[in-house]
Amino acid sequence: YKDYLLVYRWSTVDRRMLPPPDPAGGALRIVADGRVF
């Protein structure tokens, strides 16, 4: 068994306002009840 988080990134505004994501990027930071992951 392996567990994953899937995150979907998209924009609800005009695409021209936000450049496409960097394929080499993708770092994710979650703050949950004060703890940073």
All heavy atoms as atom14 arrays in JSON, in Angstrom:
{
  "sequence": "YKDYLLVYRWSTVDRRMLPPPDPAGGALRIVADGRVF",
  "atom14_mask": [
    [1, 1, 1, 1, 1, 1, 1, 1, 1, 1, 1, 1, 0, 0],
    [1, 1, 1, 1, 1, 1, 1, 1, 1, 0, 0, 0, 0, 0],
    [1, 1, 1, 1, 1, 1, 1, 1, 0, 0, 0, 0, 0, 0],
    [1, 1, 1, 1, 1, 1, 1, 1, 1, 1, 1, 1, 0, 0],
    [1, 1, 1, 1, 1, 1, 1, 1, 0, 0, 0, 0, 0, 0],
    [1, 1, 1, 1, 1, 1, 1, 1, 0, 0, 0, 0, 0, 0],
    [1, 1, 1, 1, 1, 1, 1, 0, 0, 0, 0, 0, 0, 0],
    [1, 1, 1, 1, 1, 1, 1, 1, 1, 1, 1, 1, 0, 0],
    [1, 1, 1, 1, 1, 1, 1, 1, 1, 1, 1, 0, 0, 0],
    [1, 1, 1, 1, 1, 1, 1, 1, 1, 1, 1, 1, 1, 1],
    [1, 1, 1, 1, 1, 1, 0, 0, 0, 0, 0, 0, 0, 0],
    [1, 1, 1, 1, 1, 1, 1, 0, 0, 0, 0, 0, 0, 0],
    [1, 1, 1, 1, 1, 1, 1, 0, 0, 0, 0, 0, 0, 0],
    [1, 1, 1, 1, 1, 1, 1, 1, 0, 0, 0, 0, 0, 0],
    [1, 1, 1, 1, 1, 1, 1, 1, 1, 1, 1, 0, 0, 0],
    [1, 1, 1, 1, 1, 1, 1, 1, 1, 1, 1, 0, 0, 0],
    [1, 1, 1, 1, 1, 1, 1, 1, 0, 0, 0, 0, 0, 0],
    [1, 1, 1, 1, 1, 1, 1, 1, 0, 0, 0, 0, 0, 0],
    [1, 1, 1, 1, 1, 1, 1, 0, 0, 0, 0, 0, 0, 0],
    [1, 1, 1, 1, 1, 1, 1, 0, 0, 0, 0, 0, 0, 0],
    [1, 1, 1, 1, 1, 1, 1, 0, 0, 0, 0, 0, 0, 0],
    [1, 1, 1, 1, 1, 1, 1, 1, 0, 0, 0, 0, 0, 0],
    [1, 1, 1, 1, 1, 1, 1, 0, 0, 0, 0, 0, 0, 0],
    [1, 1, 1, 1, 1, 0, 0, 0, 0, 0, 0, 0, 0, 0],
    [1, 1, 1, 1, 0, 0, 0, 0, 0, 0, 0, 0, 0, 0],
    [1, 1, 1, 1, 0, 0, 0, 0, 0, 0, 0, 0, 0, 0],
    [1, 1, 1, 1, 1, 0, 0, 0, 0, 0, 0, 0, 0, 0],
    [1, 1, 1, 1, 1, 1, 1, 1, 0, 0, 0, 0, 0, 0],
    [1, 1, 1, 1, 1, 1, 1, 1, 1, 1, 1, 0, 0, 0],
    [1, 1, 1, 1, 1, 1, 1, 1, 0, 0, 0, 0, 0, 0],
    [1, 1, 1, 1, 1, 1, 1, 0, 0, 0, 0, 0, 0, 0],
    [1, 1, 1, 1, 1, 0, 0, 0, 0, 0, 0, 0, 0, 0],
    [1, 1, 1, 1, 1, 1, 1, 1, 0, 0, 0, 0, 0, 0],
    [1, 1, 1, 1, 0, 0, 0, 0, 0, 0, 0, 0, 0, 0],
    [1, 1, 1, 1, 1, 1, 1, 1, 1, 1, 1, 0, 0, 0],
    [1, 1, 1, 1, 1, 1, 1, 0, 0, 0, 0, 0, 0, 0],
    [1, 1, 1, 1, 1, 1, 1, 1, 1, 1, 1, 0, 0, 0]
  ],
  "atom14_positions": [
    [[0.83, -1.2, 0.0], [0.0, 0.0, 0.0], [0.87, 1.26, 0.0], [1.84, 1.35, 0.75], [-0.91, 0.02, 1.23], [-1.91, -1.09, 1.23], [-1.64, -2.29, 1.89], [-3.12, -0.96, 0.57], [-2.56, -3.33, 1.89], [-4.04, -1.99, 0.56], [-3.75, -3.17, 1.22], [-4.67, -4.18, 1.2], [0.0, 0.0, 0.0], [0.0, 0.0, 0.0]],
    [[0.5, 2.2, -0.84], [1.17, 3.49, -0.89], [0.11, 4.58, -0.9], [-0.89, 4.48, -1.61], [2.06, 3.6, -2.13], [3.25, 2.64, -2.1], [4.17, 2.92, -3.24], [5.39, 2.1, -3.32], [5.71, 1.03, -2.55], [0.0, 0.0, 0.0], [0.0, 0.0, 0.0], [0.0, 0.0, 0.0], [0.0, 0.0, 0.0], [0.0, 0.0, 0.0]],
    [[0.32, 5.63, -0.09], [-0.63, 6.74, 0.01], [-0.08, 7.97, -0.7], [1.13, 8.24, -0.64], [-0.88, 7.07, 1.49], [-1.56, 5.91, 2.21], [-2.53, 5.37, 1.66], [-1.12, 5.57, 3.32], [0.0, 0.0, 0.0], [0.0, 0.0, 0.0], [0.0, 0.0, 0.0], [0.0, 0.0, 0.0], [0.0, 0.0, 0.0], [0.0, 0.0, 0.0]],
    [[-1.0, 8.69, -1.34], [-0.63, 9.89, -2.09], [-1.66, 10.98, -1.87], [-2.83, 10.7, -1.59], [-0.58, 9.61, -3.6], [0.47, 8.62, -4.01], [0.2, 7.26, -4.05], [1.74, 9.05, -4.36], [1.16, 6.34, -4.43], [2.71, 8.13, -4.75], [2.42, 6.79, -4.78], [3.37, 5.89, -5.15], [0.0, 0.0, 0.0], [0.0, 0.0, 0.0]],
    [[-1.22, 12.2, -2.05], [-2.13, 13.33, -2.19], [-2.1, 13.71, -3.66], [-1.03, 13.8, -4.27], [-1.66, 14.52, -1.36], [-1.75, 14.39, 0.14], [-1.11, 15.61, 0.8], [-3.19, 14.25, 0.58], [0.0, 0.0, 0.0], [0.0, 0.0, 0.0], [0.0, 0.0, 0.0], [0.0, 0.0, 0.0], [0.0, 0.0, 0.0], [0.0, 0.0, 0.0]],
    [[-3.25, 13.91, -4.24], [-3.34, 14.45, -5.6], [-3.78, 15.9, -5.47], [-4.75, 16.19, -4.75], [-4.35, 13.68, -6.44], [-4.08, 12.19, -6.63], [-5.2, 11.58, -7.47], [-2.74, 11.96, -7.28], [0.0, 0.0, 0.0], [0.0, 0.0, 0.0], [0.0, 0.0, 0.0], [0.0, 0.0, 0.0], [0.0, 0.0, 0.0], [0.0, 0.0, 0.0]],
    [[-3.09, 16.77, -6.15], [-3.44, 18.19, -6.12], [-3.68, 18.63, -7.55], [-2.87, 18.35, -8.44], [-2.32, 19.03, -5.46], [-2.61, 20.51, -5.57], [-2.16, 18.63, -4.0], [0.0, 0.0, 0.0], [0.0, 0.0, 0.0], [0.0, 0.0, 0.0], [0.0, 0.0, 0.0], [0.0, 0.0, 0.0], [0.0, 0.0, 0.0], [0.0, 0.0, 0.0]],
    [[-4.79, 19.31, -7.76], [-5.14, 19.8, -9.09], [-4.96, 21.31, -9.09], [-5.54, 22.02, -8.27], [-6.59, 19.46, -9.42], [-6.9, 17.99, -9.28], [-7.86, 17.55, -8.39], [-6.23, 17.06, -10.05], [-8.16, 16.2, -8.28], [-6.53, 15.7, -9.94], [-7.48, 15.29, -9.05], [-7.77, 13.95, -8.94], [0.0, 0.0, 0.0], [0.0, 0.0, 0.0]],
    [[-4.18, 21.8, -10.03], [-3.94, 23.23, -10.12], [-4.59, 23.73, -11.4], [-4.4, 23.18, -12.48], [-2.44, 23.51, -10.16], [-2.11, 24.98, -10.18], [-1.1, 25.18, -11.29], [-0.48, 26.47, -11.28], [-0.7, 27.37, -12.23], [-1.56, 27.14, -13.2], [-0.07, 28.51, -12.21], [0.0, 0.0, 0.0], [0.0, 0.0, 0.0], [0.0, 0.0, 0.0]],
    [[-5.42, 24.76, -11.26], [-6.05, 25.41, -12.41], [-6.47, 26.79, -11.96], [-6.46, 27.11, -10.77], [-7.22, 24.6, -12.96], [-8.5, 24.72, -12.21], [-9.55, 25.56, -12.49], [-8.89, 24.0, -11.03], [-10.56, 25.39, -11.58], [-10.17, 24.44, -10.66], [-8.28, 23.03, -10.25], [-10.85, 23.94, -9.56], [-8.95, 22.54, -9.16], [-10.22, 23.0, -8.83]],
    [[-6.86, 27.59, -12.91], [-7.28, 28.95, -12.59], [-8.74, 29.14, -12.95], [-9.22, 28.6, -13.94], [-6.43, 29.96, -13.38], [-6.9, 31.27, -13.11], [0.0, 0.0, 0.0], [0.0, 0.0, 0.0], [0.0, 0.0, 0.0], [0.0, 0.0, 0.0], [0.0, 0.0, 0.0], [0.0, 0.0, 0.0], [0.0, 0.0, 0.0], [0.0, 0.0, 0.0]],
    [[-9.43, 29.89, -12.12], [-10.82, 30.21, -12.4], [-10.95, 31.56, -13.09], [-12.05, 32.01, -13.39], [-11.65, 30.24, -11.11], [-11.09, 31.18, -10.22], [-11.69, 28.86, -10.46], [0.0, 0.0, 0.0], [0.0, 0.0, 0.0], [0.0, 0.0, 0.0], [0.0, 0.0, 0.0], [0.0, 0.0, 0.0], [0.0, 0.0, 0.0], [0.0, 0.0, 0.0]],
    [[-9.83, 32.21, -13.33], [-9.83, 33.49, -14.03], [-9.19, 33.31, -15.4], [-8.73, 32.22, -15.75], [-9.08, 34.58, -13.21], [-9.78, 34.84, -11.91], [-7.65, 34.19, -12.98], [0.0, 0.0, 0.0], [0.0, 0.0, 0.0], [0.0, 0.0, 0.0], [0.0, 0.0, 0.0], [0.0, 0.0, 0.0], [0.0, 0.0, 0.0], [0.0, 0.0, 0.0]],
    [[-9.11, 34.37, -16.13], [-8.52, 34.35, -17.47], [-7.09, 33.78, -17.4], [-6.27, 34.27, -16.63], [-8.5, 35.78, -18.01], [-8.11, 35.86, -19.46], [-7.34, 34.99, -19.93], [-8.56, 36.8, -20.14], [0.0, 0.0, 0.0], [0.0, 0.0, 0.0], [0.0, 0.0, 0.0], [0.0, 0.0, 0.0], [0.0, 0.0, 0.0], [0.0, 0.0, 0.0]],
    [[-6.82, 32.74, -18.19], [-5.5, 32.08, -18.18], [-4.35, 33.03, -18.43], [-3.23, 32.78, -17.99], [-5.42, 31.02, -19.27], [-6.29, 29.9, -19.07], [-6.12, 28.94, -20.22], [-7.38, 28.24, -20.32], [-7.62, 27.28, -21.14], [-6.7, 26.89, -21.96], [-8.78, 26.7, -21.15], [0.0, 0.0, 0.0], [0.0, 0.0, 0.0], [0.0, 0.0, 0.0]],
    [[-4.61, 34.1, -19.15], [-3.53, 35.04, -19.47], [-3.03, 35.76, -18.23], [-1.94, 36.31, -18.22], [-4.01, 36.05, -20.51], [-4.35, 35.38, -21.83], [-5.02, 36.33, -22.76], [-6.35, 36.65, -22.19], [-7.23, 37.44, -22.77], [-6.95, 38.0, -23.92], [-8.38, 37.67, -22.21], [0.0, 0.0, 0.0], [0.0, 0.0, 0.0], [0.0, 0.0, 0.0]],
    [[-3.8, 35.73, -17.15], [-3.38, 36.42, -15.92], [-2.39, 35.59, -15.11], [-1.73, 36.11, -14.23], [-4.6, 36.71, -15.06], [-5.56, 37.7, -15.7], [-6.99, 38.01, -14.68], [-6.27, 38.86, -13.3], [0.0, 0.0, 0.0], [0.0, 0.0, 0.0], [0.0, 0.0, 0.0], [0.0, 0.0, 0.0], [0.0, 0.0, 0.0], [0.0, 0.0, 0.0]],
    [[-2.27, 34.3, -15.4], [-1.4, 33.43, -14.63], [-0.62, 32.55, -15.61], [-1.21, 31.83, -16.4], [-2.24, 32.55, -13.7], [-1.49, 31.67, -12.72], [-0.65, 32.49, -11.75], [-2.48, 30.82, -11.94], [0.0, 0.0, 0.0], [0.0, 0.0, 0.0], [0.0, 0.0, 0.0], [0.0, 0.0, 0.0], [0.0, 0.0, 0.0], [0.0, 0.0, 0.0]],
    [[0.7, 32.6, -15.56], [1.47, 31.77, -16.49], [1.27, 30.29, -16.18], [0.92, 29.93, -15.05], [2.92, 32.19, -16.23], [2.92, 32.79, -14.88], [1.54, 33.37, -14.66], [0.0, 0.0, 0.0], [0.0, 0.0, 0.0], [0.0, 0.0, 0.0], [0.0, 0.0, 0.0], [0.0, 0.0, 0.0], [0.0, 0.0, 0.0], [0.0, 0.0, 0.0]],
    [[1.49, 29.43, -17.16], [1.35, 27.99, -16.9], [2.38, 27.55, -15.86], [3.43, 28.16, -15.72], [1.61, 27.34, -18.25], [2.3, 28.37, -19.06], [1.91, 29.71, -18.52], [0.0, 0.0, 0.0], [0.0, 0.0, 0.0], [0.0, 0.0, 0.0], [0.0, 0.0, 0.0], [0.0, 0.0, 0.0], [0.0, 0.0, 0.0], [0.0, 0.0, 0.0]],
    [[2.07, 26.49, -15.11], [3.01, 26.05, -14.08], [4.29, 25.5, -14.68], [4.29, 24.94, -15.77], [2.24, 24.96, -13.34], [1.24, 24.48, -14.32], [0.89, 25.64, -15.19], [0.0, 0.0, 0.0], [0.0, 0.0, 0.0], [0.0, 0.0, 0.0], [0.0, 0.0, 0.0], [0.0, 0.0, 0.0], [0.0, 0.0, 0.0], [0.0, 0.0, 0.0]],
    [[5.37, 25.67, -13.97], [6.66, 25.15, -14.38], [6.64, 23.63, -14.21], [6.36, 23.15, -13.11], [7.74, 25.77, -13.5], [9.13, 25.29, -13.84], [9.29, 24.4, -14.71], [10.09, 25.81, -13.23], [0.0, 0.0, 0.0], [0.0, 0.0, 0.0], [0.0, 0.0, 0.0], [0.0, 0.0, 0.0], [0.0, 0.0, 0.0], [0.0, 0.0, 0.0]],
    [[6.91, 22.87, -15.28], [6.88, 21.41, -15.15], [7.88, 20.9, -14.11], [7.68, 19.85, -13.51], [7.26, 20.91, -16.55], [7.04, 22.05, -17.46], [7.18, 23.31, -16.63], [0.0, 0.0, 0.0], [0.0, 0.0, 0.0], [0.0, 0.0, 0.0], [0.0, 0.0, 0.0], [0.0, 0.0, 0.0], [0.0, 0.0, 0.0], [0.0, 0.0, 0.0]],
    [[8.95, 21.64, -13.86], [9.94, 21.22, -12.86], [9.55, 21.68, -11.46], [10.2, 21.34, -10.48], [11.31, 21.78, -13.23], [0.0, 0.0, 0.0], [0.0, 0.0, 0.0], [0.0, 0.0, 0.0], [0.0, 0.0, 0.0], [0.0, 0.0, 0.0], [0.0, 0.0, 0.0], [0.0, 0.0, 0.0], [0.0, 0.0, 0.0], [0.0, 0.0, 0.0]],
    [[8.5, 22.47, -11.36], [8.06, 22.98, -10.06], [7.15, 21.98, -9.38], [7.24, 20.78, -9.59], [0.0, 0.0, 0.0], [0.0, 0.0, 0.0], [0.0, 0.0, 0.0], [0.0, 0.0, 0.0], [0.0, 0.0, 0.0], [0.0, 0.0, 0.0], [0.0, 0.0, 0.0], [0.0, 0.0, 0.0], [0.0, 0.0, 0.0], [0.0, 0.0, 0.0]],
    [[6.27, 22.48, -8.55], [5.29, 21.63, -7.93], [5.45, 21.44, -6.44], [4.71, 20.66, -5.85], [0.0, 0.0, 0.0], [0.0, 0.0, 0.0], [0.0, 0.0, 0.0], [0.0, 0.0, 0.0], [0.0, 0.0, 0.0], [0.0, 0.0, 0.0], [0.0, 0.0, 0.0], [0.0, 0.0, 0.0], [0.0, 0.0, 0.0], [0.0, 0.0, 0.0]],
    [[6.42, 22.12, -5.83], [6.56, 21.99, -4.38], [5.24, 22.38, -3.72], [4.53, 23.26, -4.19], [7.69, 22.89, -3.88], [0.0, 0.0, 0.0], [0.0, 0.0, 0.0], [0.0, 0.0, 0.0], [0.0, 0.0, 0.0], [0.0, 0.0, 0.0], [0.0, 0.0, 0.0], [0.0, 0.0, 0.0], [0.0, 0.0, 0.0], [0.0, 0.0, 0.0]],
    [[4.92, 21.7, -2.65], [3.65, 21.89, -1.95], [3.92, 22.08, -0.47], [4.71, 21.34, 0.12], [2.76, 20.66, -2.16], [1.43, 20.6, -1.42], [0.48, 21.67, -1.94], [0.81, 19.22, -1.6], [0.0, 0.0, 0.0], [0.0, 0.0, 0.0], [0.0, 0.0, 0.0], [0.0, 0.0, 0.0], [0.0, 0.0, 0.0], [0.0, 0.0, 0.0]],
    [[3.29, 23.08, 0.12], [3.37, 23.31, 1.57], [1.95, 23.34, 2.12], [1.12, 24.12, 1.67], [4.08, 24.62, 1.87], [4.12, 24.93, 3.37], [4.99, 26.12, 3.69], [6.35, 25.8, 3.3], [7.14, 26.62, 2.61], [6.72, 27.8, 2.24], [8.36, 26.25, 2.29], [0.0, 0.0, 0.0], [0.0, 0.0, 0.0], [0.0, 0.0, 0.0]],
    [[1.69, 22.49, 3.09], [0.4, 22.47, 3.76], [0.62, 22.83, 5.22], [1.5, 22.28, 5.88], [-0.26, 21.07, 3.66], [-0.53, 20.71, 2.2], [-1.56, 21.04, 4.46], [-1.06, 19.3, 2.0], [0.0, 0.0, 0.0], [0.0, 0.0, 0.0], [0.0, 0.0, 0.0], [0.0, 0.0, 0.0], [0.0, 0.0, 0.0], [0.0, 0.0, 0.0]],
    [[-0.18, 23.78, 5.69], [-0.19, 24.11, 7.11], [-1.51, 23.6, 7.66], [-2.58, 24.0, 7.21], [-0.04, 25.63, 7.36], [-0.08, 25.93, 8.84], [1.24, 26.16, 6.72], [0.0, 0.0, 0.0], [0.0, 0.0, 0.0], [0.0, 0.0, 0.0], [0.0, 0.0, 0.0], [0.0, 0.0, 0.0], [0.0, 0.0, 0.0], [0.0, 0.0, 0.0]],
    [[-1.41, 22.65, 8.61], [-2.59, 22.02, 9.19], [-2.53, 22.2, 10.7], [-1.61, 21.69, 11.34], [-2.63, 20.54, 8.84], [0.0, 0.0, 0.0], [0.0, 0.0, 0.0], [0.0, 0.0, 0.0], [0.0, 0.0, 0.0], [0.0, 0.0, 0.0], [0.0, 0.0, 0.0], [0.0, 0.0, 0.0], [0.0, 0.0, 0.0], [0.0, 0.0, 0.0]],
    [[-3.47, 22.97, 11.22], [-3.52, 23.24, 12.66], [-2.16, 23.69, 13.19], [-1.72, 23.27, 14.25], [-4.02, 22.03, 13.44], [-5.5, 21.75, 13.2], [-6.19, 22.65, 12.68], [-5.95, 20.65, 13.55], [0.0, 0.0, 0.0], [0.0, 0.0, 0.0], [0.0, 0.0, 0.0], [0.0, 0.0, 0.0], [0.0, 0.0, 0.0], [0.0, 0.0, 0.0]],
    [[-1.49, 24.53, 12.4], [-0.21, 25.11, 12.83], [1.02, 24.29, 12.48], [2.13, 24.79, 12.57], [0.0, 0.0, 0.0], [0.0, 0.0, 0.0], [0.0, 0.0, 0.0], [0.0, 0.0, 0.0], [0.0, 0.0, 0.0], [0.0, 0.0, 0.0], [0.0, 0.0, 0.0], [0.0, 0.0, 0.0], [0.0, 0.0, 0.0], [0.0, 0.0, 0.0]],
    [[0.86, 23.04, 12.07], [2.0, 22.2, 11.67], [2.25, 22.38, 10.18], [1.31, 22.4, 9.38], [1.74, 20.73, 11.97], [1.85, 20.39, 13.43], [1.63, 18.93, 13.71], [2.59, 18.06, 13.01], [2.49, 16.73, 13.0], [1.5, 16.12, 13.62], [3.38, 16.0, 12.35], [0.0, 0.0, 0.0], [0.0, 0.0, 0.0], [0.0, 0.0, 0.0]],
    [[3.52, 22.47, 9.81], [3.9, 22.68, 8.41], [4.4, 21.36, 7.82], [5.24, 20.68, 8.4], [5.01, 23.76, 8.3], [5.44, 23.93, 6.85], [4.52, 25.07, 8.88], [0.0, 0.0, 0.0], [0.0, 0.0, 0.0], [0.0, 0.0, 0.0], [0.0, 0.0, 0.0], [0.0, 0.0, 0.0], [0.0, 0.0, 0.0], [0.0, 0.0, 0.0]],
    [[3.86, 21.02, 6.65], [4.25, 19.82, 5.92], [4.71, 20.27, 4.53], [3.96, 20.95, 3.82], [3.08, 18.85, 5.78], [2.54, 18.36, 7.08], [1.5, 19.03, 7.71], [3.06, 17.23, 7.68], [0.99, 18.59, 8.92], [2.56, 16.78, 8.89], [1.53, 17.45, 9.52], [0.0, 0.0, 0.0], [0.0, 0.0, 0.0], [0.0, 0.0, 0.0]]
  ]
}
